[in-house]
Amino acid sequence: MSDIKFFKIVTKDQDLNRVQDNLVNTLNPVFNTPILGGVLLQNISLSIGFNTIKHKLGRKLIGWVLVRQRSFANIYDNQDNNLIPSKTLTLVTGDDVIVDLYVF
C-alpha cells in the first residue's frame, strides 16, 4: 500500500468541502492500490537454482513483476515455501541471469 493519502481540510466554503469530499472518494482508492507501494530492485544477479533477495518493503511481499531481463531464463517464485516473506523474495531460475524487479 502507498503512504500517499488525500486529506480533507475543513473550511467554511461548502463548495470547496464538497470538492474535497469527491477527491477523497476518488483518489484514496487509487492510492490504496497495492502495486503503488513498491520498490524497484535493479541489477539483481540470479544464479541457477534458488535465489533469496531482500525486497526492502518492510512488510510481507504481495507480488513482483519482472521489469527487465538481460538474457533468457525461466524464472518463477517459491514464496509459498519462503520462511521470511516479510523480508525476502525467493526466486528460482534455470539459468544465470541479471534482472530488474518491481516488488510490491
PDB file of N, CA and C in Angstrom:
ATOM      1  N   MET A   1       0.821  -1.178   0.000  1.00  0.00           N
ATOM      2  CA  MET A   1       0.000   0.000   0.000  1.00  0.00           C
ATOM      3  C   MET A   1       0.871   1.249   0.000  1.00  0.00           C
ATOM      4  N   SER A   2       0.390   2.239  -0.660  1.00  0.00           N
ATOM      5  CA  SER A   2       1.094   3.514  -0.731  1.00  0.00           C
ATOM      6  C   SER A   2       0.869   4.319   0.545  1.00  0.00           C
ATOM      7  N   ASP A   3       1.844   5.141   0.892  1.00  0.00           N
ATOM      8  CA  ASP A   3       1.697   6.037   2.036  1.00  0.00           C
ATOM      9  C   ASP A   3       0.986   7.324   1.652  1.00  0.00           C
ATOM     10  N   ILE A   4       0.656   7.487   0.391  1.00  0.00           N
ATOM     11  CA  ILE A   4       0.010   8.704  -0.094  1.00  0.00           C
ATOM     12  C   ILE A   4      -1.469   8.666   0.277  1.00  0.00           C
ATOM     13  N   LYS A   5      -1.953   9.746   0.838  1.00  0.00           N
ATOM     14  CA  LYS A   5      -3.373   9.894   1.156  1.00  0.00           C
ATOM     15  C   LYS A   5      -3.776  11.326   0.842  1.00  0.00           C
ATOM     16  N   PHE A   6      -5.030  11.509   0.466  1.00  0.00           N
ATOM     17  CA  PHE A   6      -5.576  12.847   0.293  1.00  0.00           C
ATOM     18  C   PHE A   6      -6.400  13.147   1.528  1.00  0.00           C
ATOM     19  N   PHE A   7      -6.021  14.196   2.247  1.00  0.00           N
ATOM     20  CA  PHE A   7      -6.740  14.586   3.447  1.00  0.00           C
ATOM     21  C   PHE A   7      -7.541  15.851   3.181  1.00  0.00           C
ATOM     22  N   LYS A   8      -8.752  15.845   3.677  1.00  0.00           N
ATOM     23  CA  LYS A   8      -9.643  16.981   3.529  1.00  0.00           C
ATOM     24  C   LYS A   8      -9.288  18.059   4.558  1.00  0.00           C
ATOM     25  N   ILE A   9      -9.315  19.297   4.123  1.00  0.00           N
ATOM     26  CA  ILE A   9      -9.146  20.451   5.008  1.00  0.00           C
ATOM     27  C   ILE A   9     -10.522  21.095   5.137  1.00  0.00           C
ATOM     28  N   VAL A  10     -11.072  21.052   6.321  1.00  0.00           N
ATOM     29  CA  VAL A  10     -12.420  21.587   6.530  1.00  0.00           C
ATOM     30  C   VAL A  10     -12.372  23.113   6.483  1.00  0.00           C
ATOM     31  N   THR A  11     -13.232  23.651   5.664  1.00  0.00           N
ATOM     32  CA  THR A  11     -13.313  25.108   5.521  1.00  0.00           C
ATOM     33  C   THR A  11     -14.765  25.552   5.697  1.00  0.00           C
ATOM     34  N   LYS A  12     -14.983  26.840   5.711  1.00  0.00           N
ATOM     35  CA  LYS A  12     -16.341  27.384   5.780  1.00  0.00           C
ATOM     36  C   LYS A  12     -17.004  27.397   4.405  1.00  0.00           C
ATOM     37  N   ASP A  13     -16.224  27.182   3.374  1.00  0.00           N
ATOM     38  CA  ASP A  13     -16.716  27.171   1.994  1.00  0.00           C
ATOM     39  C   ASP A  13     -17.273  25.772   1.684  1.00  0.00           C
ATOM     40  N   GLN A  14     -18.592  25.644   1.642  1.00  0.00           N
ATOM     41  CA  GLN A  14     -19.233  24.346   1.439  1.00  0.00           C
ATOM     42  C   GLN A  14     -18.935  23.751   0.054  1.00  0.00           C
ATOM     43  N   ASP A  15     -18.794  24.611  -0.957  1.00  0.00           N
ATOM     44  CA  ASP A  15     -18.449  24.108  -2.290  1.00  0.00           C
ATOM     45  C   ASP A  15     -17.064  23.464  -2.267  1.00  0.00           C
ATOM     46  N   LEU A  16     -16.120  24.119  -1.627  1.00  0.00           N
ATOM     47  CA  LEU A  16     -14.775  23.556  -1.515  1.00  0.00           C
ATOM     48  C   LEU A  16     -14.792  22.259  -0.721  1.00  0.00           C
ATOM     49  N   ASN A  17     -15.581  22.189   0.330  1.00  0.00           N
ATOM     50  CA  ASN A  17     -15.694  20.947   1.104  1.00  0.00           C
ATOM     51  C   ASN A  17     -16.239  19.804   0.251  1.00  0.00           C
ATOM     52  N   ARG A  18     -17.224  20.081  -0.591  1.00  0.00           N
ATOM     53  CA  ARG A  18     -17.782  19.044  -1.478  1.00  0.00           C
ATOM     54  C   ARG A  18     -16.754  18.580  -2.509  1.00  0.00           C
ATOM     55  N   VAL A  19     -15.992  19.520  -3.052  1.00  0.00           N
ATOM     56  CA  VAL A  19     -14.924  19.155  -3.997  1.00  0.00           C
ATOM     57  C   VAL A  19     -13.918  18.239  -3.302  1.00  0.00           C
ATOM     58  N   GLN A  20     -13.533  18.608  -2.087  1.00  0.00           N
ATOM     59  CA  GLN A  20     -12.580  17.780  -1.347  1.00  0.00           C
ATOM     60  C   GLN A  20     -13.154  16.398  -1.037  1.00  0.00           C
ATOM     61  N   ASP A  21     -14.439  16.325  -0.698  1.00  0.00           N
ATOM     62  CA  ASP A  21     -15.075  15.020  -0.452  1.00  0.00           C
ATOM     63  C   ASP A  21     -14.979  14.137  -1.693  1.00  0.00           C
ATOM     64  N   ASN A  22     -15.247  14.755  -2.856  1.00  0.00           N
ATOM     65  CA  ASN A  22     -15.154  13.995  -4.107  1.00  0.00           C
ATOM     66  C   ASN A  22     -13.723  13.536  -4.371  1.00  0.00           C
ATOM     67  N   LEU A  23     -12.758  14.383  -4.082  1.00  0.00           N
ATOM     68  CA  LEU A  23     -11.354  13.993  -4.266  1.00  0.00           C
ATOM     69  C   LEU A  23     -10.968  12.850  -3.334  1.00  0.00           C
ATOM     70  N   VAL A  24     -11.385  12.910  -2.083  1.00  0.00           N
ATOM     71  CA  VAL A  24     -11.101  11.826  -1.133  1.00  0.00           C
ATOM     72  C   VAL A  24     -11.686  10.518  -1.661  1.00  0.00           C
ATOM     73  N   ASN A  25     -12.941  10.558  -2.100  1.00  0.00           N
ATOM     74  CA  ASN A  25     -13.611   9.345  -2.584  1.00  0.00           C
ATOM     75  C   ASN A  25     -13.007   8.813  -3.874  1.00  0.00           C
ATOM     76  N   THR A  26     -12.424   9.690  -4.677  1.00  0.00           N
ATOM     77  CA  THR A  26     -11.837   9.280  -5.948  1.00  0.00           C
ATOM     78  C   THR A  26     -10.379   8.860  -5.813  1.00  0.00           C
ATOM     79  N   LEU A  27      -9.585   9.644  -5.107  1.00  0.00           N
ATOM     80  CA  LEU A  27      -8.133   9.416  -5.076  1.00  0.00           C
ATOM     81  C   LEU A  27      -7.675   8.357  -4.075  1.00  0.00           C
ATOM     82  N   ASN A  28      -8.265   8.312  -2.895  1.00  0.00           N
ATOM     83  CA  ASN A  28      -7.763   7.370  -1.896  1.00  0.00           C
ATOM     84  C   ASN A  28      -7.853   5.908  -2.329  1.00  0.00           C
ATOM     85  N   PRO A  29      -8.906   5.461  -3.027  1.00  0.00           N
ATOM     86  CA  PRO A  29      -8.882   4.079  -3.523  1.00  0.00           C
ATOM     87  C   PRO A  29      -7.739   3.825  -4.507  1.00  0.00           C
ATOM     88  N   VAL A  30      -7.405   4.820  -5.311  1.00  0.00           N
ATOM     89  CA  VAL A  30      -6.273   4.673  -6.231  1.00  0.00           C
ATOM     90  C   VAL A  30      -4.975   4.575  -5.443  1.00  0.00           C
ATOM     91  N   PHE A  31      -4.801   5.456  -4.457  1.00  0.00           N
ATOM     92  CA  PHE A  31      -3.597   5.439  -3.636  1.00  0.00           C
ATOM     93  C   PHE A  31      -3.457   4.140  -2.848  1.00  0.00           C
ATOM     94  N   ASN A  32      -4.573   3.471  -2.550  1.00  0.00           N
ATOM     95  CA  ASN A  32      -4.546   2.224  -1.785  1.00  0.00           C
ATOM     96  C   ASN A  32      -4.277   0.991  -2.643  1.00  0.00           C
ATOM     97  N   THR A  33      -4.080   1.164  -3.935  1.00  0.00           N
ATOM     98  CA  THR A  33      -3.753   0.048  -4.809  1.00  0.00           C
ATOM     99  C   THR A  33      -2.383  -0.506  -4.404  1.00  0.00           C
ATOM    100  N   PRO A  34      -2.293  -1.789  -4.063  1.00  0.00           N
ATOM    101  CA  PRO A  34      -1.043  -2.342  -3.523  1.00  0.00           C
ATOM    102  C   PRO A  34       0.184  -2.139  -4.402  1.00  0.00           C
ATOM    103  N   ILE A  35       0.036  -2.148  -5.692  1.00  0.00           N
ATOM    104  CA  ILE A  35       1.207  -2.071  -6.570  1.00  0.00           C
ATOM    105  C   ILE A  35       1.911  -0.711  -6.474  1.00  0.00           C
ATOM    106  N   LEU A  36       1.211   0.331  -5.994  1.00  0.00           N
ATOM    107  CA  LEU A  36       1.830   1.651  -5.887  1.00  0.00           C
ATOM    108  C   LEU A  36       2.874   1.739  -4.776  1.00  0.00           C
ATOM    109  N   GLY A  37       2.799   0.867  -3.794  1.00  0.00           N
ATOM    110  CA  GLY A  37       3.727   0.922  -2.670  1.00  0.00           C
ATOM    111  C   GLY A  37       4.934   0.040  -2.850  1.00  0.00           C
ATOM    112  N   GLY A  38       5.443  -0.060  -4.074  1.00  0.00           N
ATOM    113  CA  GLY A  38       6.525  -0.991  -4.374  1.00  0.00           C
ATOM    114  C   GLY A  38       7.911  -0.386  -4.377  1.00  0.00           C
ATOM    115  N   VAL A  39       8.866  -1.272  -4.655  1.00  0.00           N
ATOM    116  CA  VAL A  39      10.281  -0.910  -4.714  1.00  0.00           C
ATOM    117  C   VAL A  39      10.861  -1.510  -5.992  1.00  0.00           C
ATOM    118  N   LEU A  40      11.647  -0.718  -6.725  1.00  0.00           N
ATOM    119  CA  LEU A  40      12.340  -1.205  -7.908  1.00  0.00           C
ATOM    120  C   LEU A  40      13.715  -1.723  -7.485  1.00  0.00           C
ATOM    121  N   LEU A  41      13.967  -2.991  -7.742  1.00  0.00           N
ATOM    122  CA  LEU A  41      15.267  -3.614  -7.450  1.00  0.00           C
ATOM    123  C   LEU A  41      15.983  -3.804  -8.781  1.00  0.00           C
ATOM    124  N   GLN A  42      17.142  -3.183  -8.926  1.00  0.00           N
ATOM    125  CA  GLN A  42      17.842  -3.216 -10.208  1.00  0.00           C
ATOM    126  C   GLN A  42      19.119  -4.044 -10.130  1.00  0.00           C
ATOM    127  N   ASN A  43      19.463  -4.627 -11.284  1.00  0.00           N
ATOM    128  CA  ASN A  43      20.701  -5.395 -11.452  1.00  0.00           C
ATOM    129  C   ASN A  43      20.838  -6.522 -10.427  1.00  0.00           C
ATOM    130  N   ILE A  44      19.778  -7.298 -10.303  1.00  0.00           N
ATOM    131  CA  ILE A  44      19.776  -8.443  -9.398  1.00  0.00           C
ATOM    132  C   ILE A  44      20.327  -9.651 -10.151  1.00  0.00           C
ATOM    133  N   SER A  45      21.417 -10.210  -9.645  1.00  0.00           N
ATOM    134  CA  SER A  45      22.025 -11.388 -10.266  1.00  0.00           C
ATOM    135  C   SER A  45      21.375 -12.644  -9.714  1.00  0.00           C
ATOM    136  N   LEU A  46      20.798 -13.424 -10.606  1.00  0.00           N
ATOM    137  CA  LEU A  46      20.199 -14.700 -10.221  1.00  0.00           C
ATOM    138  C   LEU A  46      21.061 -15.827 -10.759  1.00  0.00           C
ATOM    139  N   SER A  47      21.318 -16.804  -9.918  1.00  0.00           N
ATOM    140  CA  SER A  47      22.086 -17.983 -10.317  1.00  0.00           C
ATOM    141  C   SER A  47      21.151 -19.166 -10.489  1.00  0.00           C
ATOM    142  N   ILE A  48      21.582 -20.147 -11.217  1.00  0.00           N
ATOM    143  CA  ILE A  48      20.779 -21.354 -11.409  1.00  0.00           C
ATOM    144  C   ILE A  48      20.368 -21.901 -10.054  1.00  0.00           C
ATOM    145  N   GLY A  49      19.075 -22.179  -9.906  1.00  0.00           N
ATOM    146  CA  GLY A  49      18.564 -22.726  -8.651  1.00  0.00           C
ATOM    147  C   GLY A  49      17.805 -21.680  -7.851  1.00  0.00           C
ATOM    148  N   PHE A  50      17.838 -21.831  -6.529  1.00  0.00           N
ATOM    149  CA  PHE A  50      17.098 -20.965  -5.617  1.00  0.00           C
ATOM    150  C   PHE A  50      17.897 -19.708  -5.287  1.00  0.00           C
ATOM    151  N   ASN A  51      17.228 -18.559  -5.315  1.00  0.00           N
ATOM    152  CA  ASN A  51      17.844 -17.266  -5.018  1.00  0.00           C
ATOM    153  C   ASN A  51      16.971 -16.536  -4.000  1.00  0.00           C
ATOM    154  N   THR A  52      17.594 -16.003  -2.965  1.00  0.00           N
ATOM    155  CA  THR A  52      16.873 -15.227  -1.960  1.00  0.00           C
ATOM    156  C   THR A  52      17.291 -13.775  -2.098  1.00  0.00           C
ATOM    157  N   ILE A  53      16.295 -12.902  -2.275  1.00  0.00           N
ATOM    158  CA  ILE A  53      16.534 -11.483  -2.500  1.00  0.00           C
ATOM    159  C   ILE A  53      15.847 -10.692  -1.392  1.00  0.00           C
ATOM    160  N   LYS A  54      16.546  -9.761  -0.773  1.00  0.00           N
ATOM    161  CA  LYS A  54      15.925  -8.861   0.199  1.00  0.00           C
ATOM    162  C   LYS A  54      15.088  -7.853  -0.577  1.00  0.00           C
ATOM    163  N   HIS A  55      13.777  -7.823  -0.295  1.00  0.00           N
ATOM    164  CA  HIS A  55      12.902  -6.967  -1.102  1.00  0.00           C
ATOM    165  C   HIS A  55      12.758  -5.533  -0.583  1.00  0.00           C
ATOM    166  N   LYS A  56      13.166  -5.239   0.639  1.00  0.00           N
ATOM    167  CA  LYS A  56      13.226  -3.877   1.188  1.00  0.00           C
ATOM    168  C   LYS A  56      11.860  -3.212   1.364  1.00  0.00           C
ATOM    169  N   LEU A  57      10.792  -3.977   1.443  1.00  0.00           N
ATOM    170  CA  LEU A  57       9.457  -3.403   1.588  1.00  0.00           C
ATOM    171  C   LEU A  57       9.098  -3.081   3.037  1.00  0.00           C
ATOM    172  N   GLY A  58       9.678  -3.778   3.977  1.00  0.00           N
ATOM    173  CA  GLY A  58       9.325  -3.576   5.375  1.00  0.00           C
ATOM    174  C   GLY A  58       7.994  -4.196   5.752  1.00  0.00           C
ATOM    175  N   ARG A  59       7.512  -5.085   4.927  1.00  0.00           N
ATOM    176  CA  ARG A  59       6.246  -5.796   5.146  1.00  0.00           C
ATOM    177  C   ARG A  59       6.237  -7.036   4.261  1.00  0.00           C
ATOM    178  N   LYS A  60       5.222  -7.861   4.408  1.00  0.00           N
ATOM    179  CA  LYS A  60       5.105  -9.051   3.575  1.00  0.00           C
ATOM    180  C   LYS A  60       4.908  -8.667   2.114  1.00  0.00           C
ATOM    181  N   LEU A  61       5.642  -9.314   1.247  1.00  0.00           N
ATOM    182  CA  LEU A  61       5.545  -9.097  -0.188  1.00  0.00           C
ATOM    183  C   LEU A  61       4.188  -9.575  -0.697  1.00  0.00           C
ATOM    184  N   ILE A  62       3.550  -8.792  -1.546  1.00  0.00           N
ATOM    185  CA  ILE A  62       2.284  -9.183  -2.165  1.00  0.00           C
ATOM    186  C   ILE A  62       2.540  -9.812  -3.532  1.00  0.00           C
ATOM    187  N   GLY A  63       3.456  -9.202  -4.293  1.00  0.00           N
ATOM    188  CA  GLY A  63       3.750  -9.715  -5.624  1.00  0.00           C
ATOM    189  C   GLY A  63       4.997  -9.072  -6.198  1.00  0.00           C
ATOM    190  N   TRP A  64       5.342  -9.484  -7.400  1.00  0.00           N
ATOM    191  CA  TRP A  64       6.530  -8.944  -8.067  1.00  0.00           C
ATOM    192  C   TRP A  64       6.301  -8.983  -9.572  1.00  0.00           C
ATOM    193  N   VAL A  65       7.016  -8.089 -10.255  1.00  0.00           N
ATOM    194  CA  VAL A  65       6.934  -8.019 -11.715  1.00  0.00           C
ATOM    195  C   VAL A  65       8.357  -7.965 -12.250  1.00  0.00           C
ATOM    196  N   LEU A  66       8.609  -8.760 -13.248  1.00  0.00           N
ATOM    197  CA  LEU A  66       9.901  -8.717 -13.929  1.00  0.00           C
ATOM    198  C   LEU A  66       9.892  -7.512 -14.857  1.00  0.00           C
ATOM    199  N   VAL A  67      10.758  -6.536 -14.586  1.00  0.00           N
ATOM    200  CA  VAL A  67      10.787  -5.292 -15.348  1.00  0.00           C
ATOM    201  C   VAL A  67      11.765  -5.384 -16.506  1.00  0.00           C
ATOM    202  N   ARG A  68      12.917  -6.007 -16.248  1.00  0.00           N
ATOM    203  CA  ARG A  68      13.938  -6.151 -17.295  1.00  0.00           C
ATOM    204  C   ARG A  68      14.683  -7.456 -17.062  1.00  0.00           C
ATOM    205  N   GLN A  69      14.941  -8.174 -18.142  1.00  0.00           N
ATOM    206  CA  GLN A  69      15.662  -9.449 -18.088  1.00  0.00           C
ATOM    207  C   GLN A  69      16.734  -9.406 -19.169  1.00  0.00           C
ATOM    208  N   ARG A  70      17.997  -9.568 -18.778  1.00  0.00           N
ATOM    209  CA  ARG A  70      19.095  -9.336 -19.703  1.00  0.00           C
ATOM    210  C   ARG A  70      19.519 -10.541 -20.536  1.00  0.00           C
ATOM    211  N   SER A  71      18.967 -11.703 -20.248  1.00  0.00           N
ATOM    212  CA  SER A  71      19.206 -12.880 -21.087  1.00  0.00           C
ATOM    213  C   SER A  71      18.091 -13.889 -20.812  1.00  0.00           C
ATOM    214  N   PHE A  72      18.053 -14.918 -21.628  1.00  0.00           N
ATOM    215  CA  PHE A  72      16.992 -15.912 -21.490  1.00  0.00           C
ATOM    216  C   PHE A  72      17.130 -16.666 -20.177  1.00  0.00           C
ATOM    217  N   ALA A  73      16.006 -16.851 -19.493  1.00  0.00           N
ATOM    218  CA  ALA A  73      15.944 -17.680 -18.293  1.00  0.00           C
ATOM    219  C   ALA A  73      14.483 -17.879 -17.918  1.00  0.00           C
ATOM    220  N   ASN A  74      14.153 -19.072 -17.486  1.00  0.00           N
ATOM    221  CA  ASN A  74      12.845 -19.317 -16.890  1.00  0.00           C
ATOM    222  C   ASN A  74      12.952 -18.923 -15.422  1.00  0.00           C
ATOM    223  N   ILE A  75      12.034 -18.077 -14.977  1.00  0.00           N
ATOM    224  CA  ILE A  75      12.076 -17.577 -13.603  1.00  0.00           C
ATOM    225  C   ILE A  75      10.700 -17.756 -12.975  1.00  0.00           C
ATOM    226  N   TYR A  76      10.682 -18.290 -11.760  1.00  0.00           N
ATOM    227  CA  TYR A  76       9.430 -18.389 -11.004  1.00  0.00           C
ATOM    228  C   TYR A  76       9.738 -18.221  -9.529  1.00  0.00           C
ATOM    229  N   ASP A  77       8.697 -17.921  -8.746  1.00  0.00           N
ATOM    230  CA  ASP A  77       8.945 -17.717  -7.319  1.00  0.00           C
ATOM    231  C   ASP A  77       8.633 -18.970  -6.508  1.00  0.00           C
ATOM    232  N   ASN A  78       9.186 -18.981  -5.323  1.00  0.00           N
ATOM    233  CA  ASN A  78       8.976 -20.069  -4.369  1.00  0.00           C
ATOM    234  C   ASN A  78       8.454 -19.474  -3.054  1.00  0.00           C
ATOM    235  N   GLN A  79       7.637 -18.417  -3.165  1.00  0.00           N
ATOM    236  CA  GLN A  79       7.163 -17.697  -1.984  1.00  0.00           C
ATOM    237  C   GLN A  79       6.302 -18.546  -1.063  1.00  0.00           C
ATOM    238  N   ASP A  80       5.603 -19.530  -1.600  1.00  0.00           N
ATOM    239  CA  ASP A  80       4.773 -20.380  -0.739  1.00  0.00           C
ATOM    240  C   ASP A  80       5.605 -21.131   0.289  1.00  0.00           C
ATOM    241  N   ASN A  81       6.885 -21.314   0.019  1.00  0.00           N
ATOM    242  CA  ASN A  81       7.774 -22.016   0.942  1.00  0.00           C
ATOM    243  C   ASN A  81       8.787 -21.084   1.611  1.00  0.00           C
ATOM    244  N   ASN A  82       8.665 -19.778   1.376  1.00  0.00           N
ATOM    245  CA  ASN A  82       9.587 -18.804   1.946  1.00  0.00           C
ATOM    246  C   ASN A  82       9.273 -18.623   3.439  1.00  0.00           C
ATOM    247  N   LEU A  83      10.271 -18.828   4.282  1.00  0.00           N
ATOM    248  CA  LEU A  83      10.073 -18.730   5.730  1.00  0.00           C
ATOM    249  C   LEU A  83      10.067 -17.289   6.240  1.00  0.00           C
ATOM    250  N   ILE A  84      10.581 -16.337   5.442  1.00  0.00           N
ATOM    251  CA  ILE A  84      10.587 -14.930   5.864  1.00  0.00           C
ATOM    252  C   ILE A  84      10.081 -14.004   4.741  1.00  0.00           C
ATOM    253  N   PRO A  85       8.792 -14.161   4.362  1.00  0.00           N
ATOM    254  CA  PRO A  85       8.247 -13.352   3.272  1.00  0.00           C
ATOM    255  C   PRO A  85       8.156 -11.865   3.594  1.00  0.00           C
ATOM    256  N   SER A  86       8.283 -11.501   4.864  1.00  0.00           N
ATOM    257  CA  SER A  86       8.253 -10.082   5.220  1.00  0.00           C
ATOM    258  C   SER A  86       9.572  -9.386   4.895  1.00  0.00           C
ATOM    259  N   LYS A  87      10.593 -10.179   4.556  1.00  0.00           N
ATOM    260  CA  LYS A  87      11.907  -9.599   4.260  1.00  0.00           C
ATOM    261  C   LYS A  87      12.485 -10.031   2.920  1.00  0.00           C
ATOM    262  N   THR A  88      12.078 -11.202   2.422  1.00  0.00           N
ATOM    263  CA  THR A  88      12.733 -11.726   1.224  1.00  0.00           C
ATOM    264  C   THR A  88      11.748 -12.237   0.174  1.00  0.00           C
ATOM    265  N   LEU A  89      12.261 -12.294  -1.039  1.00  0.00           N
ATOM    266  CA  LEU A  89      11.596 -12.912  -2.181  1.00  0.00           C
ATOM    267  C   LEU A  89      12.486 -14.066  -2.605  1.00  0.00           C
ATOM    268  N   THR A  90      11.898 -15.231  -2.792  1.00  0.00           N
ATOM    269  CA  THR A  90      12.659 -16.392  -3.248  1.00  0.00           C
ATOM    270  C   THR A  90      12.294 -16.682  -4.698  1.00  0.00           C
ATOM    271  N   LEU A  91      13.299 -16.582  -5.575  1.00  0.00           N
ATOM    272  CA  LEU A  91      13.105 -16.867  -6.995  1.00  0.00           C
ATOM    273  C   LEU A  91      13.943 -18.064  -7.398  1.00  0.00           C
ATOM    274  N   VAL A  92      13.419 -18.815  -8.340  1.00  0.00           N
ATOM    275  CA  VAL A  92      14.122 -19.979  -8.881  1.00  0.00           C
ATOM    276  C   VAL A  92      14.315 -19.741 -10.368  1.00  0.00           C
ATOM    277  N   THR A  93      15.522 -20.033 -10.860  1.00  0.00           N
ATOM    278  CA  THR A  93      15.797 -19.862 -12.284  1.00  0.00           C
ATOM    279  C   THR A  93      16.620 -21.036 -12.806  1.00  0.00           C
ATOM    280  N   GLY A  94      16.453 -21.316 -14.080  1.00  0.00           N
ATOM    281  CA  GLY A  94      17.187 -22.398 -14.718  1.00  0.00           C
ATOM    282  C   GLY A  94      18.486 -21.954 -15.361  1.00  0.00           C
ATOM    283  N   ASP A  95      18.717 -20.643 -15.379  1.00  0.00           N
ATOM    284  CA  ASP A  95      19.924 -20.092 -15.987  1.00  0.00           C
ATOM    285  C   ASP A  95      20.401 -18.894 -15.164  1.00  0.00           C
ATOM    286  N   ASP A  96      21.685 -18.594 -15.261  1.00  0.00           N
ATOM    287  CA  ASP A  96      22.200 -17.369 -14.662  1.00  0.00           C
ATOM    288  C   ASP A  96      21.653 -16.191 -15.465  1.00  0.00           C
ATOM    289  N   VAL A  97      21.188 -15.154 -14.748  1.00  0.00           N
ATOM    290  CA  VAL A  97      20.580 -14.015 -15.426  1.00  0.00           C
ATOM    291  C   VAL A  97      20.625 -12.800 -14.503  1.00  0.00           C
ATOM    292  N   ILE A  98      20.665 -11.623 -15.102  1.00  0.00           N
ATOM    293  CA  ILE A  98      20.568 -10.381 -14.350  1.00  0.00           C
ATOM    294  C   ILE A  98      19.227  -9.748 -14.679  1.00  0.00           C
ATOM    295  N   VAL A  99      18.488  -9.349 -13.634  1.00  0.00           N
ATOM    296  CA  VAL A  99      17.130  -8.837 -13.822  1.00  0.00           C
ATOM    297  C   VAL A  99      16.920  -7.560 -13.008  1.00  0.00           C
ATOM    298  N   ASP A 100      15.880  -6.814 -13.404  1.00  0.00           N
ATOM    299  CA  ASP A 100      15.324  -5.741 -12.595  1.00  0.00           C
ATOM    300  C   ASP A 100      13.931  -6.204 -12.206  1.00  0.00           C
ATOM    301  N   LEU A 101      13.567  -6.017 -10.933  1.00  0.00           N
ATOM    302  CA  LEU A 101      12.282  -6.462 -10.424  1.00  0.00           C
ATOM    303  C   LEU A 101      11.557  -5.297  -9.752  1.00  0.00           C
ATOM    304  N   TYR A 102      10.256  -5.250  -9.924  1.00  0.00           N
ATOM    305  CA  TYR A 102       9.438  -4.330  -9.150  1.00  0.00           C
ATOM    306  C   TYR A 102       8.660  -5.192  -8.161  1.00  0.00           C
ATOM    307  N   VAL A 103       8.930  -4.978  -6.877  1.00  0.00           N
ATOM    308  CA  VAL A 103       8.274  -5.754  -5.829  1.00  0.00           C
ATOM    309  C   VAL A 103       7.263  -4.862  -5.122  1.00  0.00           C
ATOM    310  N   PHE A 104       6.142  -5.451  -4.728  1.00  0.00           N
ATOM    311  CA  PHE A 104       5.113  -4.680  -4.044  1.00  0.00           C
ATOM    312  C   PHE A 104       4.407  -5.542  -3.014  1.00  0.00           C
TER     313      PHE A 104
END
